[in-house]
Amino acid sequence: LQQEANFDYIICPIGGGGLIAGTCLFANQFSP
């Protein structure tokens, strides 16, 4: 989100869920 802004969607693969959960937390604050 520092490199490029205004995304409609961010897509993550889901295994254990750590990457997508962390992505949710940061996106919610910096690109709600």
PDB file of all heavy atoms in Angstrom:
ATOM      1  N   LEU A   1       0.812  -1.217   0.000  1.00  0.00           N
ATOM      2  CA  LEU A   1       0.000   0.000   0.000  1.00  0.00           C
ATOM      3  C   LEU A   1       0.849   1.271   0.000  1.00  0.00           C
ATOM      4  O   LEU A   1       0.347   2.351  -0.333  1.00  0.00           O
ATOM      5  CB  LEU A   1      -0.948  -0.004   1.197  1.00  0.00           C
ATOM      6  CG  LEU A   1      -2.005  -1.118   1.180  1.00  0.00           C
ATOM      7  CD1 LEU A   1      -2.757  -1.165   2.498  1.00  0.00           C
ATOM      8  CD2 LEU A   1      -2.958  -0.951   0.001  1.00  0.00           C
ATOM      9  N   GLN A   2       2.132   1.150   0.368  1.00  0.00           N
ATOM     10  CA  GLN A   2       3.060   2.278   0.240  1.00  0.00           C
ATOM     11  C   GLN A   2       3.543   2.412  -1.200  1.00  0.00           C
ATOM     12  O   GLN A   2       3.841   3.509  -1.684  1.00  0.00           O
ATOM     13  CB  GLN A   2       4.280   2.082   1.163  1.00  0.00           C
ATOM     14  CG  GLN A   2       3.953   1.923   2.639  1.00  0.00           C
ATOM     15  CD  GLN A   2       3.222   3.103   3.221  1.00  0.00           C
ATOM     16  OE1 GLN A   2       3.684   4.229   3.119  1.00  0.00           O
ATOM     17  NE2 GLN A   2       2.075   2.864   3.826  1.00  0.00           N
ATOM     18  N   GLN A   3       3.602   1.281  -1.899  1.00  0.00           N
ATOM     19  CA  GLN A   3       4.124   1.258  -3.267  1.00  0.00           C
ATOM     20  C   GLN A   3       3.084   1.654  -4.305  1.00  0.00           C
ATOM     21  O   GLN A   3       3.413   2.199  -5.354  1.00  0.00           O
ATOM     22  CB  GLN A   3       4.676  -0.140  -3.588  1.00  0.00           C
ATOM     23  CG  GLN A   3       5.920  -0.506  -2.795  1.00  0.00           C
ATOM     24  CD  GLN A   3       6.235  -1.995  -2.860  1.00  0.00           C
ATOM     25  OE1 GLN A   3       5.405  -2.830  -2.531  1.00  0.00           O
ATOM     26  NE2 GLN A   3       7.448  -2.332  -3.280  1.00  0.00           N
ATOM     27  N   GLU A   4       1.825   1.345  -4.023  1.00  0.00           N
ATOM     28  CA  GLU A   4       0.729   1.608  -4.964  1.00  0.00           C
ATOM     29  C   GLU A   4      -0.565   1.768  -4.154  1.00  0.00           C
ATOM     30  O   GLU A   4      -0.747   1.062  -3.168  1.00  0.00           O
ATOM     31  CB  GLU A   4       0.598   0.459  -5.962  1.00  0.00           C
ATOM     32  CG  GLU A   4      -0.369   0.695  -7.106  1.00  0.00           C
ATOM     33  CD  GLU A   4       0.126   1.705  -8.128  1.00  0.00           C
ATOM     34  OE1 GLU A   4       1.354   1.777  -8.369  1.00  0.00           O
ATOM     35  OE2 GLU A   4      -0.719   2.427  -8.691  1.00  0.00           O
ATOM     36  N   ALA A   5      -1.427   2.671  -4.579  1.00  0.00           N
ATOM     37  CA  ALA A   5      -2.626   2.967  -3.785  1.00  0.00           C
ATOM     38  C   ALA A   5      -3.909   2.640  -4.544  1.00  0.00           C
ATOM     39  O   ALA A   5      -3.893   2.302  -5.730  1.00  0.00           O
ATOM     40  CB  ALA A   5      -2.620   4.435  -3.374  1.00  0.00           C
ATOM     41  N   ASN A   6      -5.010   2.753  -3.830  1.00  0.00           N
ATOM     42  CA  ASN A   6      -6.363   2.678  -4.404  1.00  0.00           C
ATOM     43  C   ASN A   6      -6.698   1.329  -5.048  1.00  0.00           C
ATOM     44  O   ASN A   6      -7.287   1.273  -6.136  1.00  0.00           O
ATOM     45  CB  ASN A   6      -6.575   3.811  -5.419  1.00  0.00           C
ATOM     46  CG  ASN A   6      -6.376   5.178  -4.803  1.00  0.00           C
ATOM     47  OD1 ASN A   6      -6.851   5.449  -3.700  1.00  0.00           O
ATOM     48  ND2 ASN A   6      -5.640   6.039  -5.494  1.00  0.00           N
ATOM     49  N   PHE A   7      -6.347   0.267  -4.373  1.00  0.00           N
ATOM     50  CA  PHE A   7      -6.728  -1.059  -4.860  1.00  0.00           C
ATOM     51  C   PHE A   7      -8.192  -1.338  -4.528  1.00  0.00           C
ATOM     52  O   PHE A   7      -8.672  -1.031  -3.435  1.00  0.00           O
ATOM     53  CB  PHE A   7      -5.857  -2.149  -4.219  1.00  0.00           C
ATOM     54  CG  PHE A   7      -4.456  -2.186  -4.740  1.00  0.00           C
ATOM     55  CD1 PHE A   7      -3.396  -1.713  -3.969  1.00  0.00           C
ATOM     56  CD2 PHE A   7      -4.183  -2.680  -6.003  1.00  0.00           C
ATOM     57  CE1 PHE A   7      -2.103  -1.731  -4.449  1.00  0.00           C
ATOM     58  CE2 PHE A   7      -2.881  -2.708  -6.494  1.00  0.00           C
ATOM     59  CZ  PHE A   7      -1.836  -2.231  -5.718  1.00  0.00           C
ATOM     60  N   ASP A   8      -8.882  -1.946  -5.474  1.00  0.00           N
ATOM     61  CA  ASP A   8     -10.241  -2.417  -5.204  1.00  0.00           C
ATOM     62  C   ASP A   8     -10.204  -3.725  -4.414  1.00  0.00           C
ATOM     63  O   ASP A   8     -11.028  -3.939  -3.522  1.00  0.00           O
ATOM     64  CB  ASP A   8     -10.997  -2.637  -6.523  1.00  0.00           C
ATOM     65  CG  ASP A   8     -11.188  -1.341  -7.293  1.00  0.00           C
ATOM     66  OD1 ASP A   8     -11.880  -0.455  -6.764  1.00  0.00           O
ATOM     67  OD2 ASP A   8     -10.642  -1.217  -8.403  1.00  0.00           O
ATOM     68  N   TYR A   9      -9.240  -4.582  -4.771  1.00  0.00           N
ATOM     69  CA  TYR A   9      -9.130  -5.888  -4.121  1.00  0.00           C
ATOM     70  C   TYR A   9      -7.669  -6.242  -3.851  1.00  0.00           C
ATOM     71  O   TYR A   9      -6.777  -5.890  -4.635  1.00  0.00           O
ATOM     72  CB  TYR A   9      -9.705  -7.002  -5.012  1.00  0.00           C
ATOM     73  CG  TYR A   9     -11.171  -6.864  -5.322  1.00  0.00           C
ATOM     74  CD1 TYR A   9     -11.600  -6.346  -6.548  1.00  0.00           C
ATOM     75  CD2 TYR A   9     -12.142  -7.272  -4.405  1.00  0.00           C
ATOM     76  CE1 TYR A   9     -12.947  -6.232  -6.849  1.00  0.00           C
ATOM     77  CE2 TYR A   9     -13.494  -7.158  -4.693  1.00  0.00           C
ATOM     78  CZ  TYR A   9     -13.891  -6.635  -5.921  1.00  0.00           C
ATOM     79  OH  TYR A   9     -15.233  -6.520  -6.198  1.00  0.00           O
ATOM     80  N   ILE A  10      -7.442  -6.928  -2.752  1.00  0.00           N
ATOM     81  CA  ILE A  10      -6.168  -7.613  -2.499  1.00  0.00           C
ATOM     82  C   ILE A  10      -6.498  -9.087  -2.323  1.00  0.00           C
ATOM     83  O   ILE A  10      -7.408  -9.443  -1.566  1.00  0.00           O
ATOM     84  CB  ILE A  10      -5.456  -7.079  -1.244  1.00  0.00           C
ATOM     85  CG1 ILE A  10      -5.091  -5.605  -1.402  1.00  0.00           C
ATOM     86  CG2 ILE A  10      -4.187  -7.901  -0.959  1.00  0.00           C
ATOM     87  CD1 ILE A  10      -4.486  -4.968  -0.160  1.00  0.00           C
ATOM     88  N   ILE A  11      -5.755  -9.921  -3.026  1.00  0.00           N
ATOM     89  CA  ILE A  11      -6.023 -11.360  -2.996  1.00  0.00           C
ATOM     90  C   ILE A  11      -4.831 -12.089  -2.402  1.00  0.00           C
ATOM     91  O   ILE A  11      -3.676 -11.853  -2.773  1.00  0.00           O
ATOM     92  CB  ILE A  11      -6.298 -11.896  -4.409  1.00  0.00           C
ATOM     93  CG1 ILE A  11      -7.462 -11.112  -5.023  1.00  0.00           C
ATOM     94  CG2 ILE A  11      -6.625 -13.384  -4.383  1.00  0.00           C
ATOM     95  CD1 ILE A  11      -7.735 -11.467  -6.441  1.00  0.00           C
ATOM     96  N   CYS A  12      -5.116 -13.001  -1.475  1.00  0.00           N
ATOM     97  CA  CYS A  12      -4.086 -13.818  -0.830  1.00  0.00           C
ATOM     98  C   CYS A  12      -4.460 -15.301  -0.928  1.00  0.00           C
ATOM     99  O   CYS A  12      -5.638 -15.645  -0.794  1.00  0.00           O
ATOM    100  CB  CYS A  12      -3.967 -13.500   0.658  1.00  0.00           C
ATOM    101  SG  CYS A  12      -3.635 -11.802   1.073  1.00  0.00           S
ATOM    102  N   PRO A  13      -3.480 -16.167  -1.088  1.00  0.00           N
ATOM    103  CA  PRO A  13      -3.759 -17.595  -0.907  1.00  0.00           C
ATOM    104  C   PRO A  13      -4.019 -17.869   0.574  1.00  0.00           C
ATOM    105  O   PRO A  13      -3.476 -17.175   1.439  1.00  0.00           O
ATOM    106  CB  PRO A  13      -2.471 -18.268  -1.386  1.00  0.00           C
ATOM    107  CG  PRO A  13      -1.410 -17.230  -1.211  1.00  0.00           C
ATOM    108  CD  PRO A  13      -2.071 -15.901  -1.405  1.00  0.00           C
ATOM    109  N   ILE A  14      -4.859 -18.862   0.862  1.00  0.00           N
ATOM    110  CA  ILE A  14      -5.157 -19.202   2.255  1.00  0.00           C
ATOM    111  C   ILE A  14      -4.721 -20.625   2.564  1.00  0.00           C
ATOM    112  O   ILE A  14      -5.161 -21.587   1.927  1.00  0.00           O
ATOM    113  CB  ILE A  14      -6.658 -19.087   2.577  1.00  0.00           C
ATOM    114  CG1 ILE A  14      -7.169 -17.684   2.310  1.00  0.00           C
ATOM    115  CG2 ILE A  14      -6.910 -19.448   4.036  1.00  0.00           C
ATOM    116  CD1 ILE A  14      -8.621 -17.497   2.690  1.00  0.00           C
ATOM    117  N   GLY A  15      -3.841 -20.747   3.548  1.00  0.00           N
ATOM    118  CA  GLY A  15      -3.463 -22.047   4.101  1.00  0.00           C
ATOM    119  C   GLY A  15      -3.842 -22.041   5.564  1.00  0.00           C
ATOM    120  O   GLY A  15      -4.968 -22.311   5.955  1.00  0.00           O
ATOM    121  N   GLY A  16      -2.878 -21.660   6.395  1.00  0.00           N
ATOM    122  CA  GLY A  16      -3.149 -21.543   7.823  1.00  0.00           C
ATOM    123  C   GLY A  16      -3.868 -20.262   8.195  1.00  0.00           C
ATOM    124  O   GLY A  16      -4.432 -20.151   9.280  1.00  0.00           O
ATOM    125  N   GLY A  17      -3.842 -19.269   7.306  1.00  0.00           N
ATOM    126  CA  GLY A  17      -4.594 -18.042   7.521  1.00  0.00           C
ATOM    127  C   GLY A  17      -3.812 -16.855   8.042  1.00  0.00           C
ATOM    128  O   GLY A  17      -4.370 -15.765   8.198  1.00  0.00           O
ATOM    129  N   GLY A  18      -2.523 -17.017   8.310  1.00  0.00           N
ATOM    130  CA  GLY A  18      -1.733 -15.928   8.870  1.00  0.00           C
ATOM    131  C   GLY A  18      -1.539 -14.760   7.922  1.00  0.00           C
ATOM    132  O   GLY A  18      -1.652 -13.589   8.325  1.00  0.00           O
ATOM    133  N   LEU A  19      -1.264 -15.045   6.657  1.00  0.00           N
ATOM    134  CA  LEU A  19      -1.022 -13.978   5.677  1.00  0.00           C
ATOM    135  C   LEU A  19      -2.285 -13.167   5.436  1.00  0.00           C
ATOM    136  O   LEU A  19      -2.253 -11.931   5.477  1.00  0.00           O
ATOM    137  CB  LEU A  19      -0.519 -14.563   4.355  1.00  0.00           C
ATOM    138  CG  LEU A  19      -0.363 -13.567   3.201  1.00  0.00           C
ATOM    139  CD1 LEU A  19       0.659 -12.499   3.541  1.00  0.00           C
ATOM    140  CD2 LEU A  19       0.023 -14.293   1.912  1.00  0.00           C
ATOM    141  N   ILE A  20      -3.397 -13.842   5.205  1.00  0.00           N
ATOM    142  CA  ILE A  20      -4.615 -13.097   4.888  1.00  0.00           C
ATOM    143  C   ILE A  20      -5.135 -12.350   6.112  1.00  0.00           C
ATOM    144  O   ILE A  20      -5.649 -11.236   5.999  1.00  0.00           O
ATOM    145  CB  ILE A  20      -5.699 -14.016   4.268  1.00  0.00           C
ATOM    146  CG1 ILE A  20      -6.775 -13.149   3.605  1.00  0.00           C
ATOM    147  CG2 ILE A  20      -6.297 -14.975   5.284  1.00  0.00           C
ATOM    148  CD1 ILE A  20      -7.691 -13.913   2.676  1.00  0.00           C
ATOM    149  N   ALA A  21      -4.963 -12.913   7.309  1.00  0.00           N
ATOM    150  CA  ALA A  21      -5.390 -12.213   8.529  1.00  0.00           C
ATOM    151  C   ALA A  21      -4.563 -10.945   8.738  1.00  0.00           C
ATOM    152  O   ALA A  21      -5.104  -9.879   9.034  1.00  0.00           O
ATOM    153  CB  ALA A  21      -5.277 -13.133   9.739  1.00  0.00           C
ATOM    154  N   GLY A  22      -3.244 -11.061   8.584  1.00  0.00           N
ATOM    155  CA  GLY A  22      -2.378  -9.888   8.710  1.00  0.00           C
ATOM    156  C   GLY A  22      -2.690  -8.844   7.652  1.00  0.00           C
ATOM    157  O   GLY A  22      -2.709  -7.637   7.928  1.00  0.00           O
ATOM    158  N   THR A  23      -2.960  -9.307   6.439  1.00  0.00           N
ATOM    159  CA  THR A  23      -3.332  -8.405   5.351  1.00  0.00           C
ATOM    160  C   THR A  23      -4.614  -7.645   5.695  1.00  0.00           C
ATOM    161  O   THR A  23      -4.721  -6.437   5.459  1.00  0.00           O
ATOM    162  CB  THR A  23      -3.520  -9.205   4.047  1.00  0.00           C
ATOM    163  OG1 THR A  23      -2.263  -9.805   3.690  1.00  0.00           O
ATOM    164  CG2 THR A  23      -3.988  -8.319   2.907  1.00  0.00           C
ATOM    165  N   CYS A  24      -5.577  -8.353   6.264  1.00  0.00           N
ATOM    166  CA  CYS A  24      -6.836  -7.721   6.684  1.00  0.00           C
ATOM    167  C   CYS A  24      -6.587  -6.598   7.687  1.00  0.00           C
ATOM    168  O   CYS A  24      -7.160  -5.498   7.570  1.00  0.00           O
ATOM    169  CB  CYS A  24      -7.757  -8.758   7.322  1.00  0.00           C
ATOM    170  SG  CYS A  24      -8.505  -9.928   6.173  1.00  0.00           S
ATOM    171  N   LEU A  25      -5.739  -6.855   8.675  1.00  0.00           N
ATOM    172  CA  LEU A  25      -5.486  -5.867   9.730  1.00  0.00           C
ATOM    173  C   LEU A  25      -4.862  -4.594   9.176  1.00  0.00           C
ATOM    174  O   LEU A  25      -5.253  -3.478   9.529  1.00  0.00           O
ATOM    175  CB  LEU A  25      -4.596  -6.471  10.814  1.00  0.00           C
ATOM    176  CG  LEU A  25      -5.213  -7.623  11.621  1.00  0.00           C
ATOM    177  CD1 LEU A  25      -4.189  -8.212  12.571  1.00  0.00           C
ATOM    178  CD2 LEU A  25      -6.445  -7.159  12.387  1.00  0.00           C
ATOM    179  N   PHE A  26      -3.878  -4.748   8.294  1.00  0.00           N
ATOM    180  CA  PHE A  26      -3.208  -3.577   7.721  1.00  0.00           C
ATOM    181  C   PHE A  26      -4.097  -2.860   6.707  1.00  0.00           C
ATOM    182  O   PHE A  26      -4.156  -1.628   6.693  1.00  0.00           O
ATOM    183  CB  PHE A  26      -1.873  -3.980   7.082  1.00  0.00           C
ATOM    184  CG  PHE A  26      -0.743  -4.082   8.066  1.00  0.00           C
ATOM    185  CD1 PHE A  26      -0.554  -5.237   8.804  1.00  0.00           C
ATOM    186  CD2 PHE A  26       0.128  -3.021   8.265  1.00  0.00           C
ATOM    187  CE1 PHE A  26       0.490  -5.340   9.724  1.00  0.00           C
ATOM    188  CE2 PHE A  26       1.172  -3.110   9.184  1.00  0.00           C
ATOM    189  CZ  PHE A  26       1.358  -4.274   9.918  1.00  0.00           C
ATOM    190  N   ALA A  27      -4.794  -3.619   5.866  1.00  0.00           N
ATOM    191  CA  ALA A  27      -5.665  -2.993   4.867  1.00  0.00           C
ATOM    192  C   ALA A  27      -6.799  -2.233   5.540  1.00  0.00           C
ATOM    193  O   ALA A  27      -7.179  -1.141   5.094  1.00  0.00           O
ATOM    194  CB  ALA A  27      -6.227  -4.058   3.927  1.00  0.00           C
ATOM    195  N   ASN A  28      -7.315  -2.772   6.619  1.00  0.00           N
ATOM    196  CA  ASN A  28      -8.409  -2.118   7.332  1.00  0.00           C
ATOM    197  C   ASN A  28      -7.997  -0.744   7.858  1.00  0.00           C
ATOM    198  O   ASN A  28      -8.803   0.196   7.880  1.00  0.00           O
ATOM    199  CB  ASN A  28      -8.869  -3.002   8.493  1.00  0.00           C
ATOM    200  CG  ASN A  28     -10.039  -2.409   9.249  1.00  0.00           C
ATOM    201  OD1 ASN A  28     -11.078  -2.131   8.680  1.00  0.00           O
ATOM    202  ND2 ASN A  28      -9.861  -2.198  10.540  1.00  0.00           N
ATOM    203  N   GLN A  29      -6.739  -0.619   8.248  1.00  0.00           N
ATOM    204  CA  GLN A  29      -6.246   0.658   8.779  1.00  0.00           C
ATOM    205  C   GLN A  29      -5.769   1.612   7.689  1.00  0.00           C
ATOM    206  O   GLN A  29      -5.981   2.823   7.776  1.00  0.00           O
ATOM    207  CB  GLN A  29      -5.105   0.400   9.766  1.00  0.00           C
ATOM    208  CG  GLN A  29      -5.539  -0.225  11.079  1.00  0.00           C
ATOM    209  CD  GLN A  29      -6.391   0.711  11.923  1.00  0.00           C
ATOM    210  OE1 GLN A  29      -6.255   1.926  11.880  1.00  0.00           O
ATOM    211  NE2 GLN A  29      -7.310   0.142  12.684  1.00  0.00           N
ATOM    212  N   PHE A  30      -5.100   1.077   6.669  1.00  0.00           N
ATOM    213  CA  PHE A  30      -4.429   1.943   5.700  1.00  0.00           C
ATOM    214  C   PHE A  30      -5.137   2.045   4.344  1.00  0.00           C
ATOM    215  O   PHE A  30      -4.788   2.906   3.538  1.00  0.00           O
ATOM    216  CB  PHE A  30      -2.986   1.463   5.498  1.00  0.00           C
ATOM    217  CG  PHE A  30      -2.146   1.583   6.735  1.00  0.00           C
ATOM    218  CD1 PHE A  30      -1.945   0.480   7.568  1.00  0.00           C
ATOM    219  CD2 PHE A  30      -1.583   2.794   7.106  1.00  0.00           C
ATOM    220  CE1 PHE A  30      -1.187   0.585   8.729  1.00  0.00           C
ATOM    221  CE2 PHE A  30      -0.821   2.914   8.258  1.00  0.00           C
ATOM    222  CZ  PHE A  30      -0.624   1.809   9.080  1.00  0.00           C
ATOM    223  N   SER A  31      -6.107   1.168   4.091  1.00  0.00           N
ATOM    224  CA  SER A  31      -6.874   1.237   2.839  1.00  0.00           C
ATOM    225  C   SER A  31      -8.238   0.584   3.059  1.00  0.00           C
ATOM    226  O   SER A  31      -8.556  -0.449   2.472  1.00  0.00           O
ATOM    227  CB  SER A  31      -6.109   0.512   1.718  1.00  0.00           C
ATOM    228  OG  SER A  31      -6.749   0.673   0.471  1.00  0.00           O
ATOM    229  N   PRO A  32      -9.068   1.197   3.905  1.00  0.00           N
ATOM    230  CA  PRO A  32     -10.305   0.545   4.350  1.00  0.00           C
ATOM    231  C   PRO A  32     -11.315   0.241   3.254  1.00  0.00           C
ATOM    232  O   PRO A  32     -12.176  -0.623   3.437  1.00  0.00           O
ATOM    233  CB  PRO A  32     -10.874   1.548   5.371  1.00  0.00           C
ATOM    234  CG  PRO A  32     -10.190   2.842   5.107  1.00  0.00           C
ATOM    235  CD  PRO A  32      -8.845   2.493   4.571  1.00  0.00           C
TER     236      PRO A  32
END
